[in-house]
């Protein structure tokens, strides 16, 4: 196996531009920002991170 650096893409908060925690439970995905201390709307997260959600278009 080649020695490649594989980085998992992490969504960025649309407000503070810091990495979000992804919470997956019961078939749904939520996004939480530790810095803002708020849940973030999936729609706003998708709009702020279009490169991560290309397949959803």
PDB file of N, CA and C in Angstrom:
ATOM      1  N   UNK A   1       0.845  -1.176   0.000  1.00  0.00           N
ATOM      2  CA  UNK A   1       0.000   0.000   0.000  1.00  0.00           C
ATOM      3  C   UNK A   1       0.890   1.240   0.000  1.00  0.00           C
ATOM      4  N   UNK A   2       0.615   2.205  -0.886  1.00  0.00           N
ATOM      5  CA  UNK A   2       1.425   3.419  -0.927  1.00  0.00           C
ATOM      6  C   UNK A   2       1.290   4.219   0.367  1.00  0.00           C
ATOM      7  N   UNK A   3       2.336   4.920   0.691  1.00  0.00           N
ATOM      8  CA  UNK A   3       2.339   5.735   1.898  1.00  0.00           C
ATOM      9  C   UNK A   3       1.749   7.105   1.585  1.00  0.00           C
ATOM     10  N   UNK A   4       0.422   7.162   1.572  1.00  0.00           N
ATOM     11  CA  UNK A   4      -0.272   8.410   1.249  1.00  0.00           C
ATOM     12  C   UNK A   4      -0.837   9.036   2.508  1.00  0.00           C
ATOM     13  N   UNK A   5      -0.861  10.336   2.516  1.00  0.00           N
ATOM     14  CA  UNK A   5      -1.473  11.060   3.622  1.00  0.00           C
ATOM     15  C   UNK A   5      -2.942  11.281   3.288  1.00  0.00           C
ATOM     16  N   UNK A   6      -3.813  10.626   4.038  1.00  0.00           N
ATOM     17  CA  UNK A   6      -5.253  10.746   3.797  1.00  0.00           C
ATOM     18  C   UNK A   6      -5.835  11.613   4.892  1.00  0.00           C
ATOM     19  N   UNK A   7      -6.402  12.731   4.478  1.00  0.00           N
ATOM     20  CA  UNK A   7      -7.037  13.622   5.431  1.00  0.00           C
ATOM     21  C   UNK A   7      -8.538  13.564   5.238  1.00  0.00           C
ATOM     22  N   UNK A   8      -9.255  13.387   6.322  1.00  0.00           N
ATOM     23  CA  UNK A   8     -10.704  13.396   6.252  1.00  0.00           C
ATOM     24  C   UNK A   8     -11.160  14.853   6.270  1.00  0.00           C
ATOM     25  N   UNK A   9     -12.047  15.184   5.368  1.00  0.00           N
ATOM     26  CA  UNK A   9     -12.534  16.557   5.263  1.00  0.00           C
ATOM     27  C   UNK A   9     -13.428  16.877   6.450  1.00  0.00           C
ATOM     28  N   UNK A  10     -13.175  18.005   7.078  1.00  0.00           N
ATOM     29  CA  UNK A  10     -13.960  18.452   8.228  1.00  0.00           C
ATOM     30  C   UNK A  10     -14.688  19.736   7.838  1.00  0.00           C
ATOM     31  N   UNK A  11     -16.005  19.774   8.017  1.00  0.00           N
ATOM     32  CA  UNK A  11     -16.724  21.009   7.683  1.00  0.00           C
ATOM     33  C   UNK A  11     -16.301  22.162   8.588  1.00  0.00           C
ATOM     34  N   UNK A  12     -16.375  23.358   8.043  1.00  0.00           N
ATOM     35  CA  UNK A  12     -15.979  24.579   8.748  1.00  0.00           C
ATOM     36  C   UNK A  12     -17.229  25.367   9.134  1.00  0.00           C
ATOM     37  N   UNK A  13     -17.208  25.966  10.307  1.00  0.00           N
ATOM     38  CA  UNK A  13     -18.330  26.779  10.795  1.00  0.00           C
ATOM     39  C   UNK A  13     -18.535  27.971   9.864  1.00  0.00           C
ATOM     40  N   UNK A  14     -19.784  28.226   9.433  1.00  0.00           N
ATOM     41  CA  UNK A  14     -20.040  29.361   8.556  1.00  0.00           C
ATOM     42  C   UNK A  14     -19.849  30.716   9.247  1.00  0.00           C
ATOM     43  N   UNK A  15     -19.820  30.733  10.574  1.00  0.00           N
ATOM     44  CA  UNK A  15     -19.691  31.995  11.311  1.00  0.00           C
ATOM     45  C   UNK A  15     -18.257  32.300  11.750  1.00  0.00           C
ATOM     46  N   UNK A  16     -17.625  31.363  12.436  1.00  0.00           N
ATOM     47  CA  UNK A  16     -16.283  31.630  12.979  1.00  0.00           C
ATOM     48  C   UNK A  16     -15.162  30.969  12.186  1.00  0.00           C
ATOM     49  N   UNK A  17     -15.502  30.152  11.191  1.00  0.00           N
ATOM     50  CA  UNK A  17     -14.530  29.497  10.298  1.00  0.00           C
ATOM     51  C   UNK A  17     -13.627  28.490  11.004  1.00  0.00           C
ATOM     52  N   UNK A  18     -14.091  27.933  12.107  1.00  0.00           N
ATOM     53  CA  UNK A  18     -13.346  26.888  12.810  1.00  0.00           C
ATOM     54  C   UNK A  18     -13.995  25.530  12.520  1.00  0.00           C
ATOM     55  N   UNK A  19     -13.278  24.431  12.718  1.00  0.00           N
ATOM     56  CA  UNK A  19     -13.835  23.101  12.446  1.00  0.00           C
ATOM     57  C   UNK A  19     -15.049  22.794  13.312  1.00  0.00           C
ATOM     58  N   UNK A  20     -16.020  22.104  12.698  1.00  0.00           N
ATOM     59  CA  UNK A  20     -17.235  21.710  13.398  1.00  0.00           C
ATOM     60  C   UNK A  20     -17.141  20.263  13.860  1.00  0.00           C
ATOM     61  N   UNK A  21     -17.848  19.945  14.939  1.00  0.00           N
ATOM     62  CA  UNK A  21     -18.028  18.554  15.350  1.00  0.00           C
ATOM     63  C   UNK A  21     -19.214  18.011  14.567  1.00  0.00           C
ATOM     64  N   UNK A  22     -19.064  16.821  14.006  1.00  0.00           N
ATOM     65  CA  UNK A  22     -20.149  16.176  13.276  1.00  0.00           C
ATOM     66  C   UNK A  22     -20.780  15.154  14.203  1.00  0.00           C
ATOM     67  N   UNK A  23     -22.089  15.285  14.425  1.00  0.00           N
ATOM     68  CA  UNK A  23     -22.815  14.395  15.317  1.00  0.00           C
ATOM     69  C   UNK A  23     -23.791  13.591  14.468  1.00  0.00           C
ATOM     70  N   UNK A  24     -23.554  12.293  14.378  1.00  0.00           N
ATOM     71  CA  UNK A  24     -24.426  11.418  13.594  1.00  0.00           C
ATOM     72  C   UNK A  24     -25.156  10.479  14.547  1.00  0.00           C
ATOM     73  N   UNK A  25     -26.488  10.559  14.531  1.00  0.00           N
ATOM     74  CA  UNK A  25     -27.293   9.704  15.399  1.00  0.00           C
ATOM     75  C   UNK A  25     -28.662   9.477  14.770  1.00  0.00           C
ATOM     76  N   UNK A  26     -29.128   8.264  14.864  1.00  0.00           N
ATOM     77  CA  UNK A  26     -30.471   7.899  14.385  1.00  0.00           C
ATOM     78  C   UNK A  26     -30.701   8.298  12.929  1.00  0.00           C
ATOM     79  N   UNK A  27     -29.687   8.188  12.104  1.00  0.00           N
ATOM     80  CA  UNK A  27     -29.835   8.462  10.681  1.00  0.00           C
ATOM     81  C   UNK A  27     -29.759   9.918  10.280  1.00  0.00           C
ATOM     82  N   UNK A  28     -29.539  10.813  11.225  1.00  0.00           N
ATOM     83  CA  UNK A  28     -29.411  12.226  10.872  1.00  0.00           C
ATOM     84  C   UNK A  28     -28.028  12.727  11.267  1.00  0.00           C
ATOM     85  N   UNK A  29     -27.620  13.801  10.615  1.00  0.00           N
ATOM     86  CA  UNK A  29     -26.314  14.394  10.905  1.00  0.00           C
ATOM     87  C   UNK A  29     -26.536  15.830  11.366  1.00  0.00           C
ATOM     88  N   UNK A  30     -25.900  16.182  12.470  1.00  0.00           N
ATOM     89  CA  UNK A  30     -25.963  17.539  13.000  1.00  0.00           C
ATOM     90  C   UNK A  30     -24.539  18.080  13.110  1.00  0.00           C
ATOM     91  N   UNK A  31     -24.427  19.391  13.149  1.00  0.00           N
ATOM     92  CA  UNK A  31     -23.127  20.049  13.226  1.00  0.00           C
ATOM     93  C   UNK A  31     -23.115  20.971  14.430  1.00  0.00           C
ATOM     94  N   UNK A  32     -22.071  20.837  15.257  1.00  0.00           N
ATOM     95  CA  UNK A  32     -21.947  21.646  16.469  1.00  0.00           C
ATOM     96  C   UNK A  32     -20.611  22.366  16.458  1.00  0.00           C
ATOM     97  N   UNK A  33     -20.638  23.656  16.788  1.00  0.00           N
ATOM     98  CA  UNK A  33     -19.413  24.443  16.872  1.00  0.00           C
ATOM     99  C   UNK A  33     -19.052  24.644  18.339  1.00  0.00           C
ATOM    100  N   UNK A  34     -17.883  24.128  18.730  1.00  0.00           N
ATOM    101  CA  UNK A  34     -17.422  24.294  20.112  1.00  0.00           C
ATOM    102  C   UNK A  34     -17.105  25.753  20.428  1.00  0.00           C
ATOM    103  N   UNK A  35     -16.625  26.490  19.434  1.00  0.00           N
ATOM    104  CA  UNK A  35     -16.261  27.881  19.664  1.00  0.00           C
ATOM    105  C   UNK A  35     -17.500  28.762  19.857  1.00  0.00           C
ATOM    106  N   UNK A  36     -18.488  28.614  18.975  1.00  0.00           N
ATOM    107  CA  UNK A  36     -19.732  29.391  19.077  1.00  0.00           C
ATOM    108  C   UNK A  36     -20.679  28.818  20.135  1.00  0.00           C
ATOM    109  N   UNK A  37     -20.461  27.537  20.488  1.00  0.00           N
ATOM    110  CA  UNK A  37     -21.294  26.817  21.435  1.00  0.00           C
ATOM    111  C   UNK A  37     -22.747  26.716  20.943  1.00  0.00           C
ATOM    112  N   UNK A  38     -22.901  26.450  19.625  1.00  0.00           N
ATOM    113  CA  UNK A  38     -24.223  26.361  19.008  1.00  0.00           C
ATOM    114  C   UNK A  38     -24.273  25.246  17.987  1.00  0.00           C
ATOM    115  N   UNK A  39     -25.469  24.670  17.821  1.00  0.00           N
ATOM    116  CA  UNK A  39     -25.711  23.797  16.681  1.00  0.00           C
ATOM    117  C   UNK A  39     -25.797  24.678  15.452  1.00  0.00           C
ATOM    118  N   UNK A  40     -25.295  24.178  14.328  1.00  0.00           N
ATOM    119  CA  UNK A  40     -25.320  24.941  13.076  1.00  0.00           C
ATOM    120  C   UNK A  40     -26.270  24.264  12.104  1.00  0.00           C
ATOM    121  N   UNK A  41     -26.993  25.055  11.361  1.00  0.00           N
ATOM    122  CA  UNK A  41     -27.922  24.568  10.363  1.00  0.00           C
ATOM    123  C   UNK A  41     -27.177  23.790   9.278  1.00  0.00           C
ATOM    124  N   UNK A  42     -27.710  22.626   8.917  1.00  0.00           N
ATOM    125  CA  UNK A  42     -27.099  21.826   7.857  1.00  0.00           C
ATOM    126  C   UNK A  42     -27.044  22.601   6.554  1.00  0.00           C
ATOM    127  N   UNK A  43     -28.071  23.381   6.278  1.00  0.00           N
ATOM    128  CA  UNK A  43     -28.108  24.185   5.048  1.00  0.00           C
ATOM    129  C   UNK A  43     -26.959  25.192   5.028  1.00  0.00           C
ATOM    130  N   UNK A  44     -26.730  25.890   6.133  1.00  0.00           N
ATOM    131  CA  UNK A  44     -25.646  26.873   6.198  1.00  0.00           C
ATOM    132  C   UNK A  44     -24.282  26.201   6.131  1.00  0.00           C
ATOM    133  N   UNK A  45     -24.147  25.028   6.741  1.00  0.00           N
ATOM    134  CA  UNK A  45     -22.883  24.291   6.686  1.00  0.00           C
ATOM    135  C   UNK A  45     -22.603  23.871   5.247  1.00  0.00           C
ATOM    136  N   UNK A  46     -23.629  23.372   4.528  1.00  0.00           N
ATOM    137  CA  UNK A  46     -23.455  22.987   3.122  1.00  0.00           C
ATOM    138  C   UNK A  46     -23.070  24.182   2.268  1.00  0.00           C
ATOM    139  N   UNK A  47     -23.705  25.329   2.498  1.00  0.00           N
ATOM    140  CA  UNK A  47     -23.396  26.546   1.724  1.00  0.00           C
ATOM    141  C   UNK A  47     -21.971  27.031   1.990  1.00  0.00           C
ATOM    142  N   UNK A  48     -21.484  26.875   3.221  1.00  0.00           N
ATOM    143  CA  UNK A  48     -20.140  27.337   3.584  1.00  0.00           C
ATOM    144  C   UNK A  48     -19.051  26.350   3.163  1.00  0.00           C
ATOM    145  N   UNK A  49     -19.431  25.108   2.849  1.00  0.00           N
ATOM    146  CA  UNK A  49     -18.471  24.059   2.503  1.00  0.00           C
ATOM    147  C   UNK A  49     -18.891  23.333   1.230  1.00  0.00           C
ATOM    148  N   UNK A  50     -19.051  24.028   0.116  1.00  0.00           N
ATOM    149  CA  UNK A  50     -19.570  23.373  -1.098  1.00  0.00           C
ATOM    150  C   UNK A  50     -18.671  22.244  -1.614  1.00  0.00           C
ATOM    151  N   UNK A  51     -17.361  22.325  -1.364  1.00  0.00           N
ATOM    152  CA  UNK A  51     -16.455  21.282  -1.841  1.00  0.00           C
ATOM    153  C   UNK A  51     -16.682  19.948  -1.141  1.00  0.00           C
ATOM    154  N   UNK A  52     -17.277  19.963   0.046  1.00  0.00           N
ATOM    155  CA  UNK A  52     -17.545  18.725   0.789  1.00  0.00           C
ATOM    156  C   UNK A  52     -18.864  18.088   0.386  1.00  0.00           C
ATOM    157  N   UNK A  53     -19.742  18.850  -0.250  1.00  0.00           N
ATOM    158  CA  UNK A  53     -21.091  18.382  -0.539  1.00  0.00           C
ATOM    159  C   UNK A  53     -21.409  18.378  -2.023  1.00  0.00           C
ATOM    160  N   UNK A  54     -20.398  18.205  -2.867  1.00  0.00           N
ATOM    161  CA  UNK A  54     -20.604  18.205  -4.326  1.00  0.00           C
ATOM    162  C   UNK A  54     -21.542  17.093  -4.762  1.00  0.00           C
ATOM    163  N   UNK A  55     -21.453  15.917  -4.119  1.00  0.00           N
ATOM    164  CA  UNK A  55     -22.286  14.793  -4.525  1.00  0.00           C
ATOM    165  C   UNK A  55     -23.766  15.011  -4.176  1.00  0.00           C
ATOM    166  N   UNK A  56     -24.073  15.950  -3.287  1.00  0.00           N
ATOM    167  CA  UNK A  56     -25.458  16.199  -2.896  1.00  0.00           C
ATOM    168  C   UNK A  56     -26.206  17.059  -3.918  1.00  0.00           C
ATOM    169  N   UNK A  57     -25.490  17.662  -4.853  1.00  0.00           N
ATOM    170  CA  UNK A  57     -26.133  18.540  -5.823  1.00  0.00           C
ATOM    171  C   UNK A  57     -26.893  17.772  -6.861  1.00  0.00           C
TER     172      UNK A  57
END
